[in-house]
Amino acid sequence: MSLISENPVLFVKHTCPFCLKVRLYLLEAGLLDSVTLRESRTSEEEDAMKAELAPHLAKVSYPTLRLGDTYMTESDDIIAHFVDEGGPAPAQLPTFQAYVDGPFKQLLALYKENAELKQA
């Protein structure tokens, strides 16, 4: 059981595949109700979230989990936090695994390719 009295706050962008990965884990694990979800669907909402997160992070990225005064930004680290708190291992969640092994893997390859093209 966590010593943090308030629900963690999960900041996500509507179209972010890393955010969907965390949300899918929480949903299939039955933990989505244990977080307060802050989702940006518009540029105005994203600007407001960035302004809120910027003082706490070297670089704002999504997803971001706020645990009290602590901020965590990597999707795998966020999932590991919930596993450490007693959530199921990702390998036990077939829908999550199907996303990670299928669409997410393809999106990650496209993301890396896009980053390489921007540097060229």
Foldseek 3Di string as FASTA:
>chain_A
DDPQPAAKEKEAEPPDLLQVLLVVLCVQQVNPVSYHYQYDDDPVSVVVVCVVCVVLDPDDDPTWIGRPSDIDHGSVVVSVVVVVVPTDDQVVRVVSVCCVVPVVVVVVVVVVVVVVVVVD
